[in-house]
Amino acid sequence: TGNSEYFSDTTITESGIVWGKNIKRIIIPSNNFTPETD
């Protein structure tokens, strides 16, 4: 409701799937650290 510009319906092609959403272009800070398995 508040960020509708990010959301859109997907095109359903997969068997058994009846619902889908796309959320596009979320820009966030990168997240680098060591060890990478933390």
PDB file of all heavy atoms in Angstrom:
ATOM      1  N   THR A   1       0.813  -1.221   0.000  1.00  0.00           N
ATOM      2  CA  THR A   1       0.000   0.000   0.000  1.00  0.00           C
ATOM      3  C   THR A   1       0.846   1.269   0.000  1.00  0.00           C
ATOM      4  O   THR A   1       0.507   2.245  -0.659  1.00  0.00           O
ATOM      5  CB  THR A   1      -0.928   0.013   1.225  1.00  0.00           C
ATOM      6  OG1 THR A   1      -0.138  -0.151   2.420  1.00  0.00           O
ATOM      7  CG2 THR A   1      -1.943  -1.107   1.135  1.00  0.00           C
ATOM      8  N   GLY A   2       1.968   1.254   0.722  1.00  0.00           N
ATOM      9  CA  GLY A   2       2.772   2.465   0.842  1.00  0.00           C
ATOM     10  C   GLY A   2       3.859   2.610  -0.197  1.00  0.00           C
ATOM     11  O   GLY A   2       4.362   3.716  -0.419  1.00  0.00           O
ATOM     12  N   ASN A   3       4.258   1.510  -0.837  1.00  0.00           N
ATOM     13  CA  ASN A   3       5.342   1.537  -1.831  1.00  0.00           C
ATOM     14  C   ASN A   3       4.932   0.759  -3.073  1.00  0.00           C
ATOM     15  O   ASN A   3       5.658  -0.112  -3.553  1.00  0.00           O
ATOM     16  CB  ASN A   3       6.621   0.936  -1.242  1.00  0.00           C
ATOM     17  CG  ASN A   3       7.000   1.513   0.100  1.00  0.00           C
ATOM     18  OD1 ASN A   3       6.767   0.900   1.126  1.00  0.00           O
ATOM     19  ND2 ASN A   3       7.569   2.714   0.101  1.00  0.00           N
ATOM     20  N   SER A   4       3.780   1.077  -3.598  1.00  0.00           N
ATOM     21  CA  SER A   4       3.207   0.304  -4.709  1.00  0.00           C
ATOM     22  C   SER A   4       4.086   0.325  -5.955  1.00  0.00           C
ATOM     23  O   SER A   4       4.002  -0.582  -6.784  1.00  0.00           O
ATOM     24  CB  SER A   4       1.815   0.841  -5.051  1.00  0.00           C
ATOM     25  OG  SER A   4       1.881   2.210  -5.400  1.00  0.00           O
ATOM     26  N   GLU A   5       4.939   1.356  -6.094  1.00  0.00           N
ATOM     27  CA  GLU A   5       5.779   1.450  -7.288  1.00  0.00           C
ATOM     28  C   GLU A   5       6.798   0.316  -7.372  1.00  0.00           C
ATOM     29  O   GLU A   5       7.350   0.045  -8.453  1.00  0.00           O
ATOM     30  CB  GLU A   5       6.504   2.799  -7.328  1.00  0.00           C
ATOM     31  CG  GLU A   5       7.549   3.023  -6.255  1.00  0.00           C
ATOM     32  CD  GLU A   5       6.994   3.550  -4.934  1.00  0.00           C
ATOM     33  OE1 GLU A   5       5.753   3.484  -4.748  1.00  0.00           O
ATOM     34  OE2 GLU A   5       7.787   4.017  -4.101  1.00  0.00           O
ATOM     35  N   TYR A   6       7.077  -0.362  -6.273  1.00  0.00           N
ATOM     36  CA  TYR A   6       8.043  -1.455  -6.266  1.00  0.00           C
ATOM     37  C   TYR A   6       7.413  -2.784  -6.684  1.00  0.00           C
ATOM     38  O   TYR A   6       8.121  -3.699  -7.107  1.00  0.00           O
ATOM     39  CB  TYR A   6       8.644  -1.641  -4.874  1.00  0.00           C
ATOM     40  CG  TYR A   6       9.585  -0.548  -4.441  1.00  0.00           C
ATOM     41  CD1 TYR A   6       9.120   0.573  -3.763  1.00  0.00           C
ATOM     42  CD2 TYR A   6      10.951  -0.623  -4.708  1.00  0.00           C
ATOM     43  CE1 TYR A   6       9.986   1.579  -3.356  1.00  0.00           C
ATOM     44  CE2 TYR A   6      11.821   0.369  -4.306  1.00  0.00           C
ATOM     45  CZ  TYR A   6      11.327   1.476  -3.631  1.00  0.00           C
ATOM     46  OH  TYR A   6      12.187   2.464  -3.235  1.00  0.00           O
ATOM     47  N   PHE A   7       6.100  -2.913  -6.548  1.00  0.00           N
ATOM     48  CA  PHE A   7       5.440  -4.207  -6.671  1.00  0.00           C
ATOM     49  C   PHE A   7       4.703  -4.353  -7.999  1.00  0.00           C
ATOM     50  O   PHE A   7       4.106  -3.403  -8.496  1.00  0.00           O
ATOM     51  CB  PHE A   7       4.437  -4.392  -5.524  1.00  0.00           C
ATOM     52  CG  PHE A   7       5.066  -4.464  -4.164  1.00  0.00           C
ATOM     53  CD1 PHE A   7       5.344  -3.302  -3.462  1.00  0.00           C
ATOM     54  CD2 PHE A   7       5.387  -5.687  -3.601  1.00  0.00           C
ATOM     55  CE1 PHE A   7       5.930  -3.354  -2.204  1.00  0.00           C
ATOM     56  CE2 PHE A   7       5.972  -5.752  -2.345  1.00  0.00           C
ATOM     57  CZ  PHE A   7       6.247  -4.574  -1.644  1.00  0.00           C
ATOM     58  N   SER A   8       4.739  -5.558  -8.540  1.00  0.00           N
ATOM     59  CA  SER A   8       3.955  -5.885  -9.727  1.00  0.00           C
ATOM     60  C   SER A   8       3.648  -7.379  -9.701  1.00  0.00           C
ATOM     61  O   SER A   8       4.345  -8.166  -9.049  1.00  0.00           O
ATOM     62  CB  SER A   8       4.701  -5.517 -11.015  1.00  0.00           C
ATOM     63  OG  SER A   8       5.905  -6.266 -11.129  1.00  0.00           O
ATOM     64  N   ASP A   9       2.600  -7.785 -10.429  1.00  0.00           N
ATOM     65  CA  ASP A   9       2.251  -9.194 -10.512  1.00  0.00           C
ATOM     66  C   ASP A   9       3.186  -9.914 -11.469  1.00  0.00           C
ATOM     67  O   ASP A   9       3.646  -9.343 -12.465  1.00  0.00           O
ATOM     68  CB  ASP A   9       0.807  -9.361 -10.982  1.00  0.00           C
ATOM     69  CG  ASP A   9      -0.193  -8.838  -9.964  1.00  0.00           C
ATOM     70  OD1 ASP A   9       0.112  -8.894  -8.755  1.00  0.00           O
ATOM     71  OD2 ASP A   9      -1.269  -8.371 -10.378  1.00  0.00           O
ATOM     72  N   THR A  10       3.464 -11.165 -11.181  1.00  0.00           N
ATOM     73  CA  THR A  10       4.279 -11.974 -12.076  1.00  0.00           C
ATOM     74  C   THR A  10       3.399 -12.648 -13.123  1.00  0.00           C
ATOM     75  O   THR A  10       2.181 -12.763 -12.961  1.00  0.00           O
ATOM     76  CB  THR A  10       5.033 -13.064 -11.301  1.00  0.00           C
ATOM     77  OG1 THR A  10       4.082 -13.938 -10.695  1.00  0.00           O
ATOM     78  CG2 THR A  10       5.921 -12.474 -10.244  1.00  0.00           C
ATOM     79  N   THR A  11       4.040 -13.078 -14.190  1.00  0.00           N
ATOM     80  CA  THR A  11       3.355 -13.908 -15.180  1.00  0.00           C
ATOM     81  C   THR A  11       3.477 -15.362 -14.745  1.00  0.00           C
ATOM     82  O   THR A  11       4.580 -15.898 -14.620  1.00  0.00           O
ATOM     83  CB  THR A  11       3.974 -13.723 -16.571  1.00  0.00           C
ATOM     84  OG1 THR A  11       3.874 -12.345 -16.956  1.00  0.00           O
ATOM     85  CG2 THR A  11       3.256 -14.584 -17.602  1.00  0.00           C
ATOM     86  N   ILE A  12       2.345 -16.002 -14.472  1.00  0.00           N
ATOM     87  CA  ILE A  12       2.357 -17.361 -13.939  1.00  0.00           C
ATOM     88  C   ILE A  12       2.505 -18.361 -15.083  1.00  0.00           C
ATOM     89  O   ILE A  12       1.663 -18.443 -15.977  1.00  0.00           O
ATOM     90  CB  ILE A  12       1.075 -17.664 -13.150  1.00  0.00           C
ATOM     91  CG1 ILE A  12       0.877 -16.624 -12.037  1.00  0.00           C
ATOM     92  CG2 ILE A  12       1.112 -19.066 -12.584  1.00  0.00           C
ATOM     93  CD1 ILE A  12       1.964 -16.605 -11.009  1.00  0.00           C
ATOM     94  N   THR A  13       3.596 -19.109 -15.071  1.00  0.00           N
ATOM     95  CA  THR A  13       3.834 -20.143 -16.082  1.00  0.00           C
ATOM     96  C   THR A  13       4.125 -21.496 -15.446  1.00  0.00           C
ATOM     97  O   THR A  13       4.000 -22.523 -16.101  1.00  0.00           O
ATOM     98  CB  THR A  13       5.014 -19.752 -16.988  1.00  0.00           C
ATOM     99  OG1 THR A  13       6.184 -19.557 -16.185  1.00  0.00           O
ATOM    100  CG2 THR A  13       4.713 -18.467 -17.758  1.00  0.00           C
ATOM    101  N   GLU A  14       4.498 -21.512 -14.192  1.00  0.00           N
ATOM    102  CA  GLU A  14       4.901 -22.741 -13.521  1.00  0.00           C
ATOM    103  C   GLU A  14       3.680 -23.510 -13.038  1.00  0.00           C
ATOM    104  O   GLU A  14       2.756 -22.942 -12.447  1.00  0.00           O
ATOM    105  CB  GLU A  14       5.806 -22.392 -12.332  1.00  0.00           C
ATOM    106  CG  GLU A  14       6.421 -23.583 -11.644  1.00  0.00           C
ATOM    107  CD  GLU A  14       7.371 -23.149 -10.544  1.00  0.00           C
ATOM    108  OE1 GLU A  14       7.799 -21.973 -10.546  1.00  0.00           O
ATOM    109  OE2 GLU A  14       7.671 -23.991  -9.672  1.00  0.00           O
ATOM    110  N   SER A  15       3.667 -24.797 -13.272  1.00  0.00           N
ATOM    111  CA  SER A  15       2.558 -25.641 -12.857  1.00  0.00           C
ATOM    112  C   SER A  15       2.418 -25.632 -11.346  1.00  0.00           C
ATOM    113  O   SER A  15       3.403 -25.781 -10.616  1.00  0.00           O
ATOM    114  CB  SER A  15       2.771 -27.071 -13.357  1.00  0.00           C
ATOM    115  OG  SER A  15       1.748 -27.922 -12.895  1.00  0.00           O
ATOM    116  N   GLY A  16       1.187 -25.468 -10.850  1.00  0.00           N
ATOM    117  CA  GLY A  16       0.925 -25.476  -9.427  1.00  0.00           C
ATOM    118  C   GLY A  16       1.048 -24.133  -8.758  1.00  0.00           C
ATOM    119  O   GLY A  16       0.629 -23.964  -7.612  1.00  0.00           O
ATOM    120  N   ILE A  17       1.630 -23.154  -9.442  1.00  0.00           N
ATOM    121  CA  ILE A  17       1.780 -21.802  -8.891  1.00  0.00           C
ATOM    122  C   ILE A  17       0.579 -20.956  -9.310  1.00  0.00           C
ATOM    123  O   ILE A  17       0.251 -20.877 -10.501  1.00  0.00           O
ATOM    124  CB  ILE A  17       3.086 -21.145  -9.367  1.00  0.00           C
ATOM    125  CG1 ILE A  17       4.292 -21.951  -8.887  1.00  0.00           C
ATOM    126  CG2 ILE A  17       3.174 -19.705  -8.873  1.00  0.00           C
ATOM    127  CD1 ILE A  17       4.442 -22.039  -7.388  1.00  0.00           C
ATOM    128  N   VAL A  18      -0.075 -20.330  -8.340  1.00  0.00           N
ATOM    129  CA  VAL A  18      -1.262 -19.513  -8.645  1.00  0.00           C
ATOM    130  C   VAL A  18      -1.080 -18.059  -8.249  1.00  0.00           C
ATOM    131  O   VAL A  18      -1.922 -17.215  -8.577  1.00  0.00           O
ATOM    132  CB  VAL A  18      -2.515 -20.077  -7.944  1.00  0.00           C
ATOM    133  CG1 VAL A  18      -2.792 -21.500  -8.395  1.00  0.00           C
ATOM    134  CG2 VAL A  18      -2.369 -20.016  -6.422  1.00  0.00           C
ATOM    135  N   TRP A  19       0.003 -17.736  -7.547  1.00  0.00           N
ATOM    136  CA  TRP A  19       0.215 -16.366  -7.063  1.00  0.00           C
ATOM    137  C   TRP A  19       1.679 -16.003  -7.185  1.00  0.00           C
ATOM    138  O   TRP A  19       2.563 -16.843  -6.997  1.00  0.00           O
ATOM    139  CB  TRP A  19      -0.231 -16.265  -5.609  1.00  0.00           C
ATOM    140  CG  TRP A  19      -0.055 -14.911  -4.968  1.00  0.00           C
ATOM    141  CD1 TRP A  19      -0.951 -13.883  -4.948  1.00  0.00           C
ATOM    142  CD2 TRP A  19       1.096 -14.434  -4.255  1.00  0.00           C
ATOM    143  NE1 TRP A  19      -0.428 -12.809  -4.263  1.00  0.00           N
ATOM    144  CE2 TRP A  19       0.828 -13.124  -3.815  1.00  0.00           C
ATOM    145  CE3 TRP A  19       2.337 -15.000  -3.928  1.00  0.00           C
ATOM    146  CZ2 TRP A  19       1.734 -12.352  -3.092  1.00  0.00           C
ATOM    147  CZ3 TRP A  19       3.251 -14.233  -3.202  1.00  0.00           C
ATOM    148  CH2 TRP A  19       2.951 -12.941  -2.792  1.00  0.00           C
ATOM    149  N   GLY A  20       1.920 -14.751  -7.525  1.00  0.00           N
ATOM    150  CA  GLY A  20       3.303 -14.292  -7.603  1.00  0.00           C
ATOM    151  C   GLY A  20       3.399 -12.783  -7.569  1.00  0.00           C
ATOM    152  O   GLY A  20       2.487 -12.071  -7.993  1.00  0.00           O
ATOM    153  N   LYS A  21       4.521 -12.287  -7.048  1.00  0.00           N
ATOM    154  CA  LYS A  21       4.790 -10.860  -6.990  1.00  0.00           C
ATOM    155  C   LYS A  21       6.243 -10.608  -7.354  1.00  0.00           C
ATOM    156  O   LYS A  21       7.144 -11.380  -7.005  1.00  0.00           O
ATOM    157  CB  LYS A  21       4.540 -10.300  -5.588  1.00  0.00           C
ATOM    158  CG  LYS A  21       3.081 -10.191  -5.187  1.00  0.00           C
ATOM    159  CD  LYS A  21       2.348  -9.101  -5.958  1.00  0.00           C
ATOM    160  CE  LYS A  21       0.893  -9.009  -5.511  1.00  0.00           C
ATOM    161  NZ  LYS A  21       0.146  -7.995  -6.290  1.00  0.00           N
ATOM    162  N   ASN A  22       6.473  -9.501  -8.071  1.00  0.00           N
ATOM    163  CA  ASN A  22       7.817  -9.008  -8.312  1.00  0.00           C
ATOM    164  C   ASN A  22       8.027  -7.752  -7.482  1.00  0.00           C
ATOM    165  O   ASN A  22       7.132  -6.910  -7.380  1.00  0.00           O
ATOM    166  CB  ASN A  22       8.023  -8.663  -9.790  1.00  0.00           C
ATOM    167  CG  ASN A  22       8.055  -9.890 -10.677  1.00  0.00           C
ATOM    168  OD1 ASN A  22       8.596 -10.915 -10.298  1.00  0.00           O
ATOM    169  ND2 ASN A  22       7.482  -9.777 -11.857  1.00  0.00           N
ATOM    170  N   ILE A  23       9.192  -7.623  -6.882  1.00  0.00           N
ATOM    171  CA  ILE A  23       9.586  -6.402  -6.189  1.00  0.00           C
ATOM    172  C   ILE A  23      10.892  -5.962  -6.827  1.00  0.00           C
ATOM    173  O   ILE A  23      11.912  -6.669  -6.736  1.00  0.00           O
ATOM    174  CB  ILE A  23       9.757  -6.610  -4.675  1.00  0.00           C
ATOM    175  CG1 ILE A  23       8.485  -7.207  -4.067  1.00  0.00           C
ATOM    176  CG2 ILE A  23      10.051  -5.293  -3.989  1.00  0.00           C
ATOM    177  CD1 ILE A  23       8.562  -8.672  -3.816  1.00  0.00           C
ATOM    178  N   LYS A  24      10.878  -4.817  -7.495  1.00  0.00           N
ATOM    179  CA  LYS A  24      11.983  -4.456  -8.382  1.00  0.00           C
ATOM    180  C   LYS A  24      12.767  -3.243  -7.890  1.00  0.00           C
ATOM    181  O   LYS A  24      12.207  -2.291  -7.381  1.00  0.00           O
ATOM    182  CB  LYS A  24      11.443  -4.165  -9.790  1.00  0.00           C
ATOM    183  CG  LYS A  24      12.529  -3.887 -10.825  1.00  0.00           C
ATOM    184  CD  LYS A  24      11.944  -3.630 -12.204  1.00  0.00           C
ATOM    185  CE  LYS A  24      13.050  -3.365 -13.221  1.00  0.00           C
ATOM    186  NZ  LYS A  24      12.516  -3.068 -14.564  1.00  0.00           N
ATOM    187  N   ARG A  25      14.059  -3.330  -8.062  1.00  0.00           N
ATOM    188  CA  ARG A  25      15.047  -2.258  -7.864  1.00  0.00           C
ATOM    189  C   ARG A  25      15.039  -1.656  -6.461  1.00  0.00           C
ATOM    190  O   ARG A  25      14.746  -0.490  -6.253  1.00  0.00           O
ATOM    191  CB  ARG A  25      14.879  -1.149  -8.907  1.00  0.00           C
ATOM    192  CG  ARG A  25      16.127  -0.273  -9.026  1.00  0.00           C
ATOM    193  CD  ARG A  25      16.028   0.813 -10.080  1.00  0.00           C
ATOM    194  NE  ARG A  25      17.284   1.539 -10.146  1.00  0.00           N
ATOM    195  CZ  ARG A  25      17.578   2.597  -9.381  1.00  0.00           C
ATOM    196  NH1 ARG A  25      16.707   3.048  -8.524  1.00  0.00           N
ATOM    197  NH2 ARG A  25      18.749   3.200  -9.489  1.00  0.00           N
ATOM    198  N   ILE A  26      15.378  -2.512  -5.522  1.00  0.00           N
ATOM    199  CA  ILE A  26      15.636  -2.053  -4.160  1.00  0.00           C
ATOM    200  C   ILE A  26      17.143  -1.807  -4.048  1.00  0.00           C
ATOM    201  O   ILE A  26      17.942  -2.721  -4.247  1.00  0.00           O
ATOM    202  CB  ILE A  26      15.187  -3.097  -3.132  1.00  0.00           C
ATOM    203  CG1 ILE A  26      13.674  -3.321  -3.231  1.00  0.00           C
ATOM    204  CG2 ILE A  26      15.583  -2.683  -1.724  1.00  0.00           C
ATOM    205  CD1 ILE A  26      13.164  -4.454  -2.374  1.00  0.00           C
ATOM    206  N   ILE A  27      17.537  -0.574  -3.759  1.00  0.00           N
ATOM    207  CA  ILE A  27      18.951  -0.218  -3.625  1.00  0.00           C
ATOM    208  C   ILE A  27      19.289  -0.160  -2.136  1.00  0.00           C
ATOM    209  O   ILE A  27      18.624   0.533  -1.362  1.00  0.00           O
ATOM    210  CB  ILE A  27      19.264   1.133  -4.291  1.00  0.00           C
ATOM    211  CG1 ILE A  27      18.829   1.114  -5.769  1.00  0.00           C
ATOM    212  CG2 ILE A  27      20.758   1.451  -4.179  1.00  0.00           C
ATOM    213  CD1 ILE A  27      19.525   0.073  -6.618  1.00  0.00           C
ATOM    214  N   ILE A  28      20.323  -0.891  -1.741  1.00  0.00           N
ATOM    215  CA  ILE A  28      20.711  -0.972  -0.343  1.00  0.00           C
ATOM    216  C   ILE A  28      22.234  -0.857  -0.232  1.00  0.00           C
ATOM    217  O   ILE A  28      22.955  -1.025  -1.219  1.00  0.00           O
ATOM    218  CB  ILE A  28      20.247  -2.305   0.292  1.00  0.00           C
ATOM    219  CG1 ILE A  28      20.721  -3.494  -0.548  1.00  0.00           C
ATOM    220  CG2 ILE A  28      18.741  -2.328   0.472  1.00  0.00           C
ATOM    221  CD1 ILE A  28      20.362  -4.844   0.037  1.00  0.00           C
ATOM    222  N   PRO A  29      22.740  -0.574   0.967  1.00  0.00           N
ATOM    223  CA  PRO A  29      24.197  -0.567   1.147  1.00  0.00           C
ATOM    224  C   PRO A  29      24.778  -1.953   0.903  1.00  0.00           C
ATOM    225  O   PRO A  29      24.140  -2.968   1.198  1.00  0.00           O
ATOM    226  CB  PRO A  29      24.374  -0.155   2.618  1.00  0.00           C
ATOM    227  CG  PRO A  29      23.089   0.485   3.009  1.00  0.00           C
ATOM    228  CD  PRO A  29      22.029  -0.190   2.199  1.00  0.00           C
ATOM    229  N   SER A  30      25.973  -2.007   0.353  1.00  0.00           N
ATOM    230  CA  SER A  30      26.662  -3.289   0.234  1.00  0.00           C
ATOM    231  C   SER A  30      27.016  -3.785   1.642  1.00  0.00           C
ATOM    232  O   SER A  30      27.020  -3.020   2.609  1.00  0.00           O
ATOM    233  CB  SER A  30      27.920  -3.152  -0.621  1.00  0.00           C
ATOM    234  OG  SER A  30      28.774  -2.158  -0.088  1.00  0.00           O
ATOM    235  N   ASN A  31      27.318  -5.067   1.727  1.00  0.00           N
ATOM    236  CA  ASN A  31      27.530  -5.687   3.040  1.00  0.00           C
ATOM    237  C   ASN A  31      28.744  -6.607   2.970  1.00  0.00           C
ATOM    238  O   ASN A  31      28.632  -7.796   2.697  1.00  0.00           O
ATOM    239  CB  ASN A  31      26.270  -6.465   3.449  1.00  0.00           C
ATOM    240  CG  ASN A  31      26.331  -6.967   4.877  1.00  0.00           C
ATOM    241  OD1 ASN A  31      27.081  -6.454   5.700  1.00  0.00           O
ATOM    242  ND2 ASN A  31      25.540  -7.986   5.178  1.00  0.00           N
ATOM    243  N   ASN A  32      29.920  -6.029   3.195  1.00  0.00           N
ATOM    244  CA  ASN A  32      31.162  -6.795   3.134  1.00  0.00           C
ATOM    245  C   ASN A  32      31.700  -7.037   4.539  1.00  0.00           C
ATOM    246  O   ASN A  32      31.659  -6.139   5.389  1.00  0.00           O
ATOM    247  CB  ASN A  32      32.218  -6.053   2.315  1.00  0.00           C
ATOM    248  CG  ASN A  32      31.922  -6.100   0.830  1.00  0.00           C
ATOM    249  OD1 ASN A  32      31.599  -7.149   0.290  1.00  0.00           O
ATOM    250  ND2 ASN A  32      32.017  -4.966   0.166  1.00  0.00           N
ATOM    251  N   PHE A  33      32.203  -8.237   4.783  1.00  0.00           N
ATOM    252  CA  PHE A  33      32.784  -8.550   6.083  1.00  0.00           C
ATOM    253  C   PHE A  33      33.590  -9.838   5.970  1.00  0.00           C
ATOM    254  O   PHE A  33      33.480 -10.585   4.992  1.00  0.00           O
ATOM    255  CB  PHE A  33      31.691  -8.704   7.155  1.00  0.00           C
ATOM    256  CG  PHE A  33      30.582  -9.657   6.777  1.00  0.00           C
ATOM    257  CD1 PHE A  33      30.713 -11.025   6.964  1.00  0.00           C
ATOM    258  CD2 PHE A  33      29.405  -9.180   6.211  1.00  0.00           C
ATOM    259  CE1 PHE A  33      29.700 -11.895   6.607  1.00  0.00           C
ATOM    260  CE2 PHE A  33      28.378 -10.039   5.855  1.00  0.00           C
ATOM    261  CZ  PHE A  33      28.523 -11.403   6.057  1.00  0.00           C
ATOM    262  N   THR A  34      34.409 -10.080   6.976  1.00  0.00           N
ATOM    263  CA  THR A  34      35.164 -11.329   7.086  1.00  0.00           C
ATOM    264  C   THR A  34      34.973 -11.892   8.484  1.00  0.00           C
ATOM    265  O   THR A  34      34.886 -11.120   9.453  1.00  0.00           O
ATOM    266  CB  THR A  34      36.666 -11.098   6.823  1.00  0.00           C
ATOM    267  OG1 THR A  34      37.148 -10.071   7.701  1.00  0.00           O
ATOM    268  CG2 THR A  34      36.915 -10.701   5.382  1.00  0.00           C
ATOM    269  N   PRO A  35      34.897 -13.207   8.624  1.00  0.00           N
ATOM    270  CA  PRO A  35      34.822 -14.168   7.522  1.00  0.00           C
ATOM    271  C   PRO A  35      33.468 -14.112   6.832  1.00  0.00           C
ATOM    272  O   PRO A  35      32.466 -13.760   7.456  1.00  0.00           O
ATOM    273  CB  PRO A  35      35.030 -15.510   8.221  1.00  0.00           C
ATOM    274  CG  PRO A  35      34.490 -15.283   9.605  1.00  0.00           C
ATOM    275  CD  PRO A  35      34.839 -13.868   9.957  1.00  0.00           C
ATOM    276  N   GLU A  36      33.459 -14.454   5.567  1.00  0.00           N
ATOM    277  CA  GLU A  36      32.239 -14.358   4.775  1.00  0.00           C
ATOM    278  C   GLU A  36      31.172 -15.351   5.223  1.00  0.00           C
ATOM    279  O   GLU A  36      30.005 -15.226   4.844  1.00  0.00           O
ATOM    280  CB  GLU A  36      32.549 -14.596   3.295  1.00  0.00           C
ATOM    281  CG  GLU A  36      33.418 -13.510   2.680  1.00  0.00           C
ATOM    282  CD  GLU A  36      33.591 -13.681   1.185  1.00  0.00           C
ATOM    283  OE1 GLU A  36      32.839 -14.490   0.589  1.00  0.00           O
ATOM    284  OE2 GLU A  36      34.474 -13.030   0.607  1.00  0.00           O
ATOM    285  N   THR A  37      31.539 -16.312   6.038  1.00  0.00           N
ATOM    286  CA  THR A  37      30.593 -17.322   6.505  1.00  0.00           C
ATOM    287  C   THR A  37      29.902 -16.918   7.812  1.00  0.00           C
ATOM    288  O   THR A  37      29.145 -17.711   8.384  1.00  0.00           O
ATOM    289  CB  THR A  37      31.318 -18.657   6.721  1.00  0.00           C
ATOM    290  OG1 THR A  37      32.444 -18.439   7.593  1.00  0.00           O
ATOM    291  CG2 THR A  37      31.805 -19.223   5.403  1.00  0.00           C
ATOM    292  N   ASP A  38      30.138 -15.681   8.272  1.00  0.00           N
ATOM    293  CA  ASP A  38      29.538 -15.213   9.522  1.00  0.00           C
ATOM    294  C   ASP A  38      28.059 -14.914   9.305  1.00  0.00           C
ATOM    295  O   ASP A  38      27.682 -13.842   8.829  1.00  0.00           O
ATOM    296  CB  ASP A  38      30.272 -13.970  10.023  1.00  0.00           C
ATOM    297  CG  ASP A  38      29.819 -13.551  11.418  1.00  0.00           C
ATOM    298  OD1 ASP A  38      28.788 -14.059  11.893  1.00  0.00           O
ATOM    299  OD2 ASP A  38      30.503 -12.702  12.023  1.00  0.00           O
TER     300      ASP A  38
END
